Amino acid sequence: MVSMRPSYDDPNSDSHVVPIKDMAMELKLPTHEIATFTGWKPPVYGTESMSLVIAVSFGLLVPPRILNLATYGGLNVHPSLLPA
């Protein structure tokens, strides 16, 4: 699970709260905080490959070099209704 590195510029902001990270930690999943994908490589766990990249309110464009590692590509989930 990858999340944006928290921003503590505004102490009154909830921007550092990442519910999915809390869930991942509860499930004992590996977590990573990044500010940018530059220089970051997804970890490799044995012979398992990444199946799917799912982005939810992430704030960064997932680069093709990462999407291409996933067997089924990527899915971007938008948290609000979009115009038809």
N, C-alpha and C. Protein backbone atom coordinates (compact mmCIF):
# COMPACT_ATOMS: atom_id res chain seq x y z
N MET A 1 0.84 -1.14 0.00
CA MET A 1 0.00 0.00 0.00
C MET A 1 0.90 1.22 0.00
N VAL A 2 0.65 2.11 -0.94
CA VAL A 2 1.44 3.34 -1.05
C VAL A 2 0.52 4.51 -0.76
N SER A 3 0.98 5.42 0.09
CA SER A 3 0.22 6.64 0.35
C SER A 3 1.14 7.84 0.22
N MET A 4 0.52 9.00 0.06
CA MET A 4 1.29 10.23 -0.02
C MET A 4 1.92 10.49 1.33
N ARG A 5 3.14 11.02 1.30
CA ARG A 5 3.79 11.42 2.54
C ARG A 5 2.97 12.55 3.17
N PRO A 6 2.66 12.47 4.46
CA PRO A 6 1.82 13.49 5.08
C PRO A 6 2.44 14.87 5.02
N SER A 7 1.57 15.87 4.92
CA SER A 7 1.99 17.26 4.97
C SER A 7 1.60 17.81 6.33
N TYR A 8 2.56 18.28 7.06
CA TYR A 8 2.27 18.83 8.38
C TYR A 8 2.38 20.36 8.39
N ASP A 9 2.28 20.97 7.20
CA ASP A 9 2.38 22.42 7.10
C ASP A 9 1.27 23.12 7.88
N ASP A 10 0.07 22.56 7.85
CA ASP A 10 -1.08 23.14 8.53
C ASP A 10 -1.52 22.20 9.64
N PRO A 11 -1.25 22.57 10.90
CA PRO A 11 -1.60 21.68 12.01
C PRO A 11 -3.10 21.46 12.16
N ASN A 12 -3.93 22.33 11.56
CA ASN A 12 -5.38 22.18 11.64
C ASN A 12 -5.95 21.34 10.51
N SER A 13 -5.09 20.90 9.61
CA SER A 13 -5.54 20.14 8.44
C SER A 13 -5.60 18.65 8.74
N ASP A 14 -6.59 17.99 8.12
CA ASP A 14 -6.68 16.53 8.22
C ASP A 14 -6.00 15.86 7.04
N SER A 15 -5.16 16.59 6.29
CA SER A 15 -4.55 16.03 5.08
C SER A 15 -3.59 14.88 5.40
N HIS A 16 -3.16 14.75 6.65
CA HIS A 16 -2.25 13.66 7.01
C HIS A 16 -3.01 12.39 7.38
N VAL A 17 -4.34 12.45 7.46
CA VAL A 17 -5.14 11.29 7.80
C VAL A 17 -5.38 10.46 6.54
N VAL A 18 -4.92 9.23 6.53
CA VAL A 18 -5.09 8.34 5.38
C VAL A 18 -5.75 7.06 5.89
N PRO A 19 -7.10 7.00 5.83
CA PRO A 19 -7.79 5.83 6.39
C PRO A 19 -7.34 4.49 5.82
N ILE A 20 -7.04 4.45 4.52
CA ILE A 20 -6.64 3.18 3.91
C ILE A 20 -5.30 2.70 4.49
N LYS A 21 -4.45 3.65 4.87
CA LYS A 21 -3.17 3.26 5.49
C LYS A 21 -3.42 2.62 6.85
N ASP A 22 -4.35 3.20 7.61
CA ASP A 22 -4.69 2.60 8.91
C ASP A 22 -5.19 1.17 8.73
N MET A 23 -6.03 0.95 7.72
CA MET A 23 -6.55 -0.39 7.46
C MET A 23 -5.43 -1.33 7.04
N ALA A 24 -4.54 -0.86 6.17
CA ALA A 24 -3.43 -1.70 5.72
C ALA A 24 -2.55 -2.11 6.90
N MET A 25 -2.31 -1.17 7.80
CA MET A 25 -1.48 -1.48 8.97
C MET A 25 -2.19 -2.47 9.88
N GLU A 26 -3.50 -2.33 10.03
CA GLU A 26 -4.28 -3.27 10.84
C GLU A 26 -4.22 -4.68 10.25
N LEU A 27 -4.20 -4.75 8.90
CA LEU A 27 -4.12 -6.05 8.22
C LEU A 27 -2.69 -6.54 8.07
N LYS A 28 -1.74 -5.77 8.62
CA LYS A 28 -0.31 -6.10 8.56
C LYS A 28 0.22 -6.18 7.13
N LEU A 29 -0.29 -5.27 6.29
CA LEU A 29 0.20 -5.16 4.92
C LEU A 29 1.38 -4.20 4.89
N PRO A 30 2.34 -4.41 4.00
CA PRO A 30 3.45 -3.47 3.89
C PRO A 30 2.91 -2.11 3.42
N THR A 31 3.41 -1.03 4.03
CA THR A 31 3.00 0.32 3.63
C THR A 31 4.22 1.14 3.26
N HIS A 32 4.01 2.08 2.35
CA HIS A 32 5.08 2.96 1.89
C HIS A 32 4.51 4.36 1.77
N GLU A 33 5.24 5.36 2.24
CA GLU A 33 4.86 6.75 2.07
C GLU A 33 5.83 7.41 1.11
N ILE A 34 5.29 8.06 0.09
CA ILE A 34 6.14 8.72 -0.89
C ILE A 34 5.61 10.13 -1.15
N ALA A 35 6.49 11.01 -1.58
CA ALA A 35 6.10 12.35 -1.99
C ALA A 35 6.04 12.43 -3.51
N THR A 36 6.78 11.53 -4.16
CA THR A 36 6.84 11.48 -5.62
C THR A 36 7.24 10.06 -6.03
N PHE A 37 6.92 9.70 -7.25
CA PHE A 37 7.34 8.39 -7.76
C PHE A 37 8.78 8.41 -8.27
N THR A 38 9.38 9.58 -8.40
CA THR A 38 10.74 9.70 -8.90
C THR A 38 11.70 8.89 -8.03
N GLY A 39 12.36 7.92 -8.65
CA GLY A 39 13.33 7.10 -7.94
C GLY A 39 12.74 5.99 -7.09
N TRP A 40 11.41 5.93 -6.97
CA TRP A 40 10.78 4.90 -6.14
C TRP A 40 10.48 3.67 -6.98
N LYS A 41 10.81 2.51 -6.44
CA LYS A 41 10.53 1.25 -7.11
C LYS A 41 9.64 0.41 -6.20
N PRO A 42 8.60 -0.19 -6.75
CA PRO A 42 7.75 -1.06 -5.93
C PRO A 42 8.57 -2.23 -5.40
N PRO A 43 8.33 -2.63 -4.17
CA PRO A 43 9.05 -3.77 -3.62
C PRO A 43 8.65 -5.06 -4.31
N VAL A 44 9.55 -6.02 -4.31
CA VAL A 44 9.28 -7.34 -4.88
C VAL A 44 9.23 -8.32 -3.72
N TYR A 45 8.17 -9.11 -3.68
CA TYR A 45 8.00 -10.09 -2.61
C TYR A 45 8.12 -11.49 -3.20
N GLY A 46 9.31 -12.05 -3.09
CA GLY A 46 9.55 -13.39 -3.62
C GLY A 46 9.30 -13.44 -5.12
N THR A 47 8.52 -14.42 -5.55
CA THR A 47 8.23 -14.58 -6.98
C THR A 47 6.88 -13.99 -7.35
N GLU A 48 6.17 -13.39 -6.38
CA GLU A 48 4.86 -12.82 -6.65
C GLU A 48 4.99 -11.53 -7.45
N SER A 49 4.09 -11.35 -8.40
CA SER A 49 4.08 -10.11 -9.17
C SER A 49 2.86 -9.29 -8.76
N MET A 50 2.93 -8.01 -9.07
CA MET A 50 1.83 -7.12 -8.77
C MET A 50 0.70 -7.40 -9.75
N SER A 51 -0.52 -7.60 -9.25
CA SER A 51 -1.66 -7.91 -10.11
C SER A 51 -2.35 -6.67 -10.63
N LEU A 52 -2.57 -5.68 -9.77
CA LEU A 52 -3.38 -4.53 -10.13
C LEU A 52 -2.96 -3.32 -9.32
N VAL A 53 -2.94 -2.16 -9.96
CA VAL A 53 -2.69 -0.89 -9.28
C VAL A 53 -4.04 -0.20 -9.14
N ILE A 54 -4.42 0.14 -7.92
CA ILE A 54 -5.67 0.86 -7.68
C ILE A 54 -5.32 2.19 -7.02
N ALA A 55 -5.74 3.28 -7.65
CA ALA A 55 -5.48 4.62 -7.11
C ALA A 55 -6.80 5.21 -6.63
N VAL A 56 -6.83 5.64 -5.37
CA VAL A 56 -8.02 6.26 -4.78
C VAL A 56 -7.60 7.56 -4.11
N SER A 57 -8.04 8.68 -4.65
CA SER A 57 -7.70 9.99 -4.06
C SER A 57 -6.21 10.11 -3.80
N PHE A 58 -5.40 9.73 -4.75
CA PHE A 58 -3.96 9.63 -4.52
C PHE A 58 -3.22 10.94 -4.72
N GLY A 59 -3.60 11.73 -5.72
CA GLY A 59 -2.96 13.03 -5.90
C GLY A 59 -1.73 13.02 -6.78
N LEU A 60 -1.27 11.86 -7.20
CA LEU A 60 -0.14 11.77 -8.13
C LEU A 60 -0.54 10.92 -9.32
N LEU A 61 0.01 11.23 -10.47
CA LEU A 61 -0.17 10.40 -11.65
C LEU A 61 0.73 9.18 -11.51
N VAL A 62 0.14 8.00 -11.58
CA VAL A 62 0.94 6.77 -11.48
C VAL A 62 1.63 6.59 -12.83
N PRO A 63 2.96 6.58 -12.84
CA PRO A 63 3.69 6.52 -14.11
C PRO A 63 3.54 5.17 -14.81
N PRO A 64 3.63 5.18 -16.14
CA PRO A 64 3.53 3.94 -16.92
C PRO A 64 4.51 2.86 -16.46
N ARG A 65 5.69 3.23 -16.02
CA ARG A 65 6.67 2.22 -15.60
C ARG A 65 6.14 1.39 -14.43
N ILE A 66 5.25 1.95 -13.62
CA ILE A 66 4.66 1.21 -12.51
C ILE A 66 3.42 0.46 -12.97
N LEU A 67 2.58 1.12 -13.76
CA LEU A 67 1.39 0.45 -14.29
C LEU A 67 1.75 -0.78 -15.12
N ASN A 68 2.85 -0.69 -15.86
CA ASN A 68 3.27 -1.81 -16.71
C ASN A 68 3.75 -3.02 -15.92
N LEU A 69 4.06 -2.84 -14.64
CA LEU A 69 4.47 -3.96 -13.79
C LEU A 69 3.28 -4.81 -13.35
N ALA A 70 2.09 -4.22 -13.38
CA ALA A 70 0.89 -4.92 -12.91
C ALA A 70 0.29 -5.77 -14.03
N THR A 71 -0.02 -6.99 -13.72
CA THR A 71 -0.59 -7.93 -14.69
C THR A 71 -1.83 -7.37 -15.37
N TYR A 72 -2.70 -6.72 -14.59
CA TYR A 72 -3.97 -6.22 -15.12
C TYR A 72 -4.02 -4.70 -15.25
N GLY A 73 -2.88 -4.01 -15.14
CA GLY A 73 -2.84 -2.56 -15.32
C GLY A 73 -3.32 -1.83 -14.09
N GLY A 74 -4.11 -0.76 -14.31
CA GLY A 74 -4.51 0.08 -13.19
C GLY A 74 -5.96 0.48 -13.23
N LEU A 75 -6.45 0.90 -12.08
CA LEU A 75 -7.82 1.37 -11.93
C LEU A 75 -7.77 2.63 -11.08
N ASN A 76 -8.40 3.71 -11.56
CA ASN A 76 -8.46 4.95 -10.82
C ASN A 76 -9.89 5.13 -10.31
N VAL A 77 -10.05 5.18 -8.99
CA VAL A 77 -11.37 5.32 -8.40
C VAL A 77 -11.51 6.76 -7.91
N HIS A 78 -12.54 7.46 -8.39
CA HIS A 78 -12.77 8.84 -8.00
C HIS A 78 -13.83 8.86 -6.91
N PRO A 79 -13.57 9.57 -5.80
CA PRO A 79 -14.47 9.52 -4.64
C PRO A 79 -15.77 10.32 -4.76
N SER A 80 -15.94 11.07 -5.82
CA SER A 80 -17.17 11.86 -5.95
C SER A 80 -17.80 11.63 -7.32
N LEU A 81 -19.04 12.03 -7.42
CA LEU A 81 -19.74 11.89 -8.71
C LEU A 81 -19.14 12.84 -9.73
N LEU A 82 -18.94 12.35 -10.92
CA LEU A 82 -18.43 13.16 -12.01
C LEU A 82 -19.56 13.43 -13.01
N PRO A 83 -19.49 14.54 -13.73
CA PRO A 83 -20.54 14.80 -14.71
C PRO A 83 -20.56 13.74 -15.80
N ALA A 84 -21.74 13.47 -16.31
CA ALA A 84 -21.91 12.44 -17.35
C ALA A 84 -21.35 12.90 -18.67
